Protein backbone atom coordinates (compact mmCIF):
# COMPACT_ATOMS: atom_id res chain seq x y z
CA MET A 1 -33.81 -14.18 60.48
CA ASN A 2 -32.92 -10.62 61.50
CA LYS A 3 -34.67 -7.56 60.14
CA ILE A 4 -31.76 -6.53 57.89
CA SER A 5 -31.81 -9.91 56.09
CA GLN A 6 -35.57 -9.71 55.71
CA PHE A 7 -35.24 -6.27 54.15
CA ILE A 8 -32.60 -7.41 51.61
CA ILE A 9 -34.73 -10.37 50.51
CA ALA A 10 -37.85 -8.23 50.21
CA VAL A 11 -36.09 -5.64 48.07
CA GLY A 12 -34.07 -8.16 46.07
CA PHE A 13 -36.99 -10.15 44.72
CA PRO A 14 -38.58 -7.29 42.78
CA VAL A 15 -35.19 -6.30 41.35
CA LEU A 16 -34.62 -9.83 40.04
CA PHE A 17 -38.14 -9.99 38.71
CA PHE A 18 -38.02 -6.75 36.78
CA GLY A 19 -34.49 -7.44 35.56
CA CYS A 20 -35.67 -10.61 33.80
CA GLU A 21 -38.85 -9.14 32.37
CA LYS A 22 -39.11 -9.90 28.64
CA GLU A 23 -38.51 -6.96 26.33
CA ASP A 24 -39.62 -6.47 22.75
CA ALA A 25 -36.93 -7.41 20.23
CA ILE A 26 -34.99 -4.51 18.72
CA PRO A 27 -35.97 -4.38 15.05
CA TYR A 28 -33.16 -4.97 12.52
CA ASN A 29 -32.88 -2.24 9.96
CA PRO A 30 -30.27 -3.15 7.35
CA TYR A 31 -27.80 -0.41 6.43
CA ILE A 32 -28.51 0.94 2.98
CA GLU A 33 -25.63 2.90 1.48
CA ASN A 34 -26.92 6.00 -0.25
CA ILE A 35 -24.41 6.64 -3.01
CA VAL A 36 -25.05 9.58 -5.30
CA LEU A 37 -22.84 9.56 -8.38
CA GLU A 38 -22.98 13.07 -9.76
CA ASN A 39 -20.50 12.73 -12.62
CA ALA A 40 -18.25 10.34 -14.56
CA THR A 41 -15.34 10.90 -12.18
CA ASP A 42 -17.46 9.81 -9.21
CA SER A 43 -18.50 6.71 -11.14
CA SER A 44 -14.89 5.71 -11.84
CA VAL A 45 -13.89 6.25 -8.22
CA TYR A 46 -16.91 4.33 -6.94
CA SER A 47 -16.21 1.39 -9.26
CA ILE A 48 -12.88 0.83 -7.47
CA TYR A 49 -14.60 1.07 -4.09
CA LYS A 50 -17.32 -1.35 -5.12
CA ASP A 51 -14.82 -3.96 -6.41
CA TYR A 52 -12.01 -3.58 -3.84
CA GLN A 53 -13.49 -1.62 -0.91
CA THR A 54 -10.84 1.04 -1.48
CA LYS A 55 -11.66 4.75 -1.46
CA ILE A 56 -9.84 6.87 -4.03
CA ILE A 57 -9.34 10.30 -2.44
CA TYR A 58 -8.38 13.19 -4.71
CA ASP A 59 -9.94 16.14 -2.87
CA TRP A 60 -7.92 16.16 0.34
CA ASP A 61 -6.58 18.53 3.00
CA ARG A 62 -3.41 18.72 5.06
CA LYS A 63 -4.42 15.94 7.44
CA TYR A 64 -3.38 13.48 4.74
CA ILE A 65 0.24 14.65 4.86
CA SER A 66 2.44 15.73 7.75
CA SER A 67 2.50 19.29 9.07
CA ASN A 68 5.96 19.95 7.59
CA ALA A 69 5.08 18.71 4.10
CA THR A 70 3.51 20.20 1.00
CA ALA A 71 2.09 18.64 -2.16
CA ALA A 72 -0.02 19.82 -5.07
CA PRO A 73 -3.49 18.33 -5.50
CA PRO A 74 -4.26 16.39 -8.67
CA ARG A 75 -5.88 18.32 -11.50
CA TYR A 76 -9.54 17.35 -11.52
CA GLU A 77 -9.69 16.66 -15.26
CA LEU A 78 -6.93 14.03 -14.85
CA VAL A 79 -8.56 12.08 -12.02
CA LYS A 80 -10.97 10.02 -14.13
CA PRO A 81 -8.44 8.99 -16.82
CA TYR A 82 -5.88 8.27 -14.09
CA VAL A 83 -8.30 6.02 -12.19
CA ASP A 84 -9.50 4.29 -15.37
CA ASN A 85 -6.09 3.71 -16.94
CA ILE A 86 -3.46 3.81 -14.20
CA VAL A 87 -5.29 2.53 -11.12
CA ARG A 88 -7.58 0.07 -12.90
CA LYS A 89 -5.25 -1.12 -15.70
CA MET A 90 -1.63 -0.47 -14.71
CA ILE A 91 -1.90 -1.09 -10.96
CA ILE A 92 -4.75 -3.54 -10.40
CA ALA A 93 -4.96 -5.61 -13.60
CA PRO A 94 -1.40 -7.07 -13.44
CA TYR A 95 -2.23 -8.66 -10.07
CA ASP A 96 -5.76 -9.71 -11.02
CA ARG A 97 -4.52 -11.58 -14.08
CA GLN A 98 -2.60 -13.89 -11.75
CA ASN A 99 -4.75 -14.03 -8.65
CA PRO A 100 -8.12 -12.20 -8.64
CA ASN A 101 -8.35 -12.44 -4.86
CA PHE A 102 -4.95 -10.99 -3.96
CA LEU A 103 -5.81 -7.29 -4.12
CA ARG A 104 -9.35 -7.85 -2.90
CA GLU A 105 -7.76 -9.16 0.28
CA ASN A 106 -4.84 -6.72 0.51
CA MET A 107 -5.80 -3.35 -0.99
CA PRO A 108 -5.54 -0.42 1.43
CA ILE A 109 -8.69 1.24 2.71
CA GLU A 110 -7.68 4.49 0.99
CA ILE A 111 -5.53 5.54 -1.95
CA VAL A 112 -4.78 9.26 -1.87
CA LEU A 113 -3.88 10.81 -5.23
CA MET A 114 -1.45 13.73 -5.24
CA GLY A 115 -0.52 15.85 -8.20
CA SER A 116 3.13 16.36 -7.30
CA SER A 117 5.72 14.73 -5.12
CA ILE A 118 5.49 15.30 -1.35
CA ASN A 119 8.06 17.87 -0.24
CA TYR A 120 9.24 17.79 3.36
CA ALA A 121 11.00 20.72 5.04
CA SER A 122 13.04 20.81 8.25
CA GLU A 123 15.76 22.87 9.91
CA GLU A 124 18.35 20.40 8.63
CA GLY A 125 17.09 20.65 5.05
CA GLY A 126 14.42 18.88 3.08
CA PHE A 127 13.63 16.02 0.76
CA SER A 128 10.94 14.84 -1.62
CA SER A 129 8.95 11.63 -1.48
CA THR A 130 7.19 9.88 -4.35
CA GLY A 131 4.73 8.06 -2.12
CA GLY A 132 3.91 6.73 1.31
CA ALA A 133 2.04 4.05 3.24
CA VAL A 134 0.23 4.64 6.52
CA SER A 135 -0.35 1.51 8.59
CA LEU A 136 -2.76 -0.88 6.85
CA SER A 137 -5.11 1.84 5.78
CA ARG A 138 -3.66 4.31 3.31
CA ILE A 139 -1.30 4.59 0.36
CA LEU A 140 -0.23 7.98 -1.01
CA ILE A 141 0.51 8.05 -4.74
CA THR A 142 2.15 11.11 -6.25
CA GLY A 143 2.76 12.42 -9.75
CA VAL A 144 -0.82 12.36 -11.05
CA ASN A 145 -0.37 15.73 -12.79
CA SER A 146 2.33 14.14 -14.98
CA TYR A 147 -0.28 11.78 -16.45
CA ASP A 148 0.78 10.74 -19.94
CA LEU A 149 0.00 7.32 -21.39
CA LYS A 150 2.64 7.79 -24.09
CA ASN A 151 5.31 8.12 -21.41
CA ARG A 152 6.26 4.53 -20.55
CA SER A 153 8.48 5.74 -17.73
CA PHE A 154 5.46 7.39 -16.10
CA THR A 155 2.98 4.52 -16.48
CA LYS A 156 5.44 1.86 -15.35
CA GLY A 157 6.71 4.11 -12.57
CA GLN A 158 3.22 4.42 -11.10
CA ALA A 159 2.80 0.62 -11.01
CA VAL A 160 6.22 0.16 -9.40
CA LEU A 161 5.50 2.91 -6.85
CA PHE A 162 2.30 1.12 -5.86
CA ALA A 163 4.19 -2.18 -5.52
CA HIS A 164 6.67 -0.53 -3.13
CA GLU A 165 3.94 1.01 -0.97
CA LEU A 166 1.84 -2.17 -1.04
CA ALA A 167 4.90 -4.02 0.30
CA HIS A 168 4.67 -1.83 3.41
CA ILE A 169 0.99 -2.74 3.80
CA LEU A 170 1.82 -6.45 3.52
CA ASP A 171 4.71 -5.98 5.95
CA LYS A 172 2.30 -4.60 8.56
CA LYS A 173 -0.30 -7.27 7.85
CA TYR A 174 1.82 -10.42 7.54
CA GLY A 175 5.33 -9.40 8.57
CA ARG A 176 8.39 -9.59 6.34
CA PRO A 177 9.66 -12.87 4.88
CA ILE A 178 11.06 -15.24 7.51
CA GLY A 179 14.79 -14.68 7.89
CA PHE A 180 14.84 -11.55 5.70
CA ASP A 181 15.97 -9.20 8.48
CA GLN A 182 18.96 -11.37 9.36
CA ILE A 183 20.51 -11.49 5.87
CA SER A 184 22.09 -8.02 6.06
CA ALA A 185 22.20 -7.73 9.85
CA GLY A 186 24.90 -5.25 10.84
CA LYS A 187 25.15 -3.89 7.29
CA TYR A 188 22.47 -1.19 7.40
CA ALA A 189 23.46 2.48 7.22
CA GLY A 190 22.74 3.12 10.89
CA GLY A 191 23.31 6.77 11.69
CA ALA A 192 25.06 7.44 8.38
CA SER A 193 23.30 8.93 5.38
CA VAL A 194 22.28 6.31 2.83
CA GLY A 195 23.49 8.75 0.18
CA SER A 196 27.05 8.31 1.40
CA PHE A 197 27.07 4.75 0.02
CA SER A 198 27.47 3.96 -3.65
CA LEU A 199 25.07 1.62 -5.42
CA GLN A 200 27.80 -1.01 -5.63
CA GLU A 201 28.51 -0.75 -1.90
CA ALA A 202 24.81 -1.25 -1.24
CA ARG A 203 24.72 -4.26 -3.55
CA ASN A 204 27.78 -5.76 -1.86
CA ARG A 205 25.83 -5.62 1.42
CA GLY A 206 22.73 -7.24 -0.06
CA PHE A 207 20.55 -4.19 -0.82
CA TRP A 208 18.69 -3.52 -4.04
CA ARG A 209 19.64 0.16 -3.79
CA ASN A 210 21.10 2.32 -1.07
CA TYR A 211 17.72 3.69 0.11
CA GLY A 212 17.02 0.19 1.38
CA MET A 213 19.91 0.60 3.80
CA SER A 214 17.70 2.93 5.87
CA ASN A 215 16.03 0.07 7.75
CA GLN A 216 14.51 -3.38 7.27
CA ILE A 217 11.15 -1.91 6.23
CA GLU A 218 12.60 0.04 3.30
CA ASP A 219 14.94 -2.83 2.52
CA PHE A 220 11.91 -5.03 1.88
CA GLY A 221 10.05 -2.29 -0.02
CA THR A 222 12.95 -1.58 -2.36
CA TRP A 223 13.43 -5.28 -3.08
CA VAL A 224 9.78 -5.65 -4.09
CA GLU A 225 10.00 -2.49 -6.18
CA GLY A 226 13.22 -3.69 -7.81
CA ILE A 227 11.95 -7.12 -8.84
CA VAL A 228 8.61 -5.75 -10.07
CA GLY A 229 10.30 -3.05 -12.13
CA THR A 230 13.07 -5.17 -13.68
CA LYS A 231 13.09 -7.93 -16.30
CA LYS A 232 13.57 -11.43 -14.93
CA SER A 233 16.86 -12.02 -16.77
CA GLU A 234 18.35 -8.84 -15.30
CA VAL A 235 17.15 -9.71 -11.79
CA LEU A 236 18.67 -13.19 -11.96
CA SER A 237 21.95 -11.77 -13.23
CA LEU A 238 22.05 -9.28 -10.36
CA VAL A 239 21.23 -11.71 -7.56
CA ALA A 240 23.96 -14.08 -8.72
CA GLN A 241 26.59 -11.49 -7.69
CA ASN A 242 26.72 -12.51 -4.02
CA GLN A 243 25.05 -14.62 -1.35
CA TYR A 244 23.26 -11.69 0.30
CA LEU A 245 21.48 -10.64 -2.88
CA GLY A 246 20.57 -14.23 -3.70
CA ALA A 247 19.16 -14.91 -0.25
CA LYS A 248 17.01 -11.76 -0.22
CA TYR A 249 15.73 -12.43 -3.72
CA ARG A 250 14.60 -15.92 -2.80
CA ALA A 251 12.97 -14.69 0.42
CA VAL A 252 10.99 -11.93 -1.32
CA TYR A 253 10.09 -13.95 -4.41
CA ASN A 254 8.80 -16.92 -2.41
CA TYR A 255 6.91 -14.63 0.01
CA PHE A 256 4.75 -13.37 -2.85
CA LEU A 257 4.57 -16.74 -4.59
CA GLU A 258 2.97 -18.19 -1.46
CA LYS A 259 0.29 -15.50 -1.80
CA GLY A 260 -0.40 -16.38 -5.44
CA ILE A 261 1.74 -13.69 -7.09
CA ASP A 262 4.81 -14.39 -9.24
CA LEU A 263 6.71 -11.10 -9.25
CA HIS A 264 8.32 -11.86 -12.62
CA VAL A 265 4.92 -12.45 -14.21
CA LEU A 266 3.77 -9.23 -12.54
CA ASN A 267 6.61 -7.39 -14.29
CA GLU A 268 5.66 -8.93 -17.63
CA ASN A 269 2.02 -7.93 -17.17
CA ILE A 270 2.99 -4.36 -16.29
CA GLU A 271 5.24 -4.09 -19.35
CA ARG A 272 2.56 -5.54 -21.65
CA ILE A 273 -0.26 -3.33 -20.38
CA GLY A 274 2.00 -0.27 -20.50
CA ASP A 275 2.74 -0.98 -24.16
CA GLN A 276 -0.98 -1.31 -24.90
CA LEU A 277 -1.83 1.95 -23.14
CA SER A 278 0.91 3.84 -24.98
CA GLU A 279 -0.87 3.05 -28.25
CA LEU A 280 -4.22 4.55 -27.19
């Protein structure tokens, strides 16, 4: 054996020995969440987090909206009643009454409350948005400063807005219904403005409303919103108008039914709870 080999063996043995030397186990210290609830608003917000692992964010900065957008924050005194009555009762309860696990499995990580609509500005003009969904993690809900339980249009509108934005979360998580994208293939607005199409033109092409002509993502979102916000008899009358509407209705309805949610029952629950809240 040459001297180089002898040197490698001599040095290698100690390295192997010390590398296998037994170490003391790293102690396990369980994470203890230190939650300090300073007021009733904090308690309401934390109750949603505890039950659904969703943070309600009402004190936010510009990182929650794009650099070319503005929105008013929610008035602090409205946050607790909004969380208690709109988030807990109008948004969550209609799903939980059908399938208690559905929202526990599919709620976003964050719901950001905004007092006004989100206003976007650009060189070409601007537009307003009533909500938004960011990946799987965040839903933006606007209009909190219009809180009024007597206003059925407001209470129902908030539940329908959530349904639309939740559809985007589900789209990212599970994909859209099988075959949905092919039903109106070639009939989307493309480079044209969706506003240049009438509602009837949109319906003739298989869209719930012309905003859905933007792309397949909004097509799906507007269909969910439409079914959730409309009585079953009216939905069935609409989808009987042509094969495109009928095919999309069946695709969307069955998609949710497979997940334990009947969208028509969801509509009935929203209407019933809205009526109850209007009498408070």
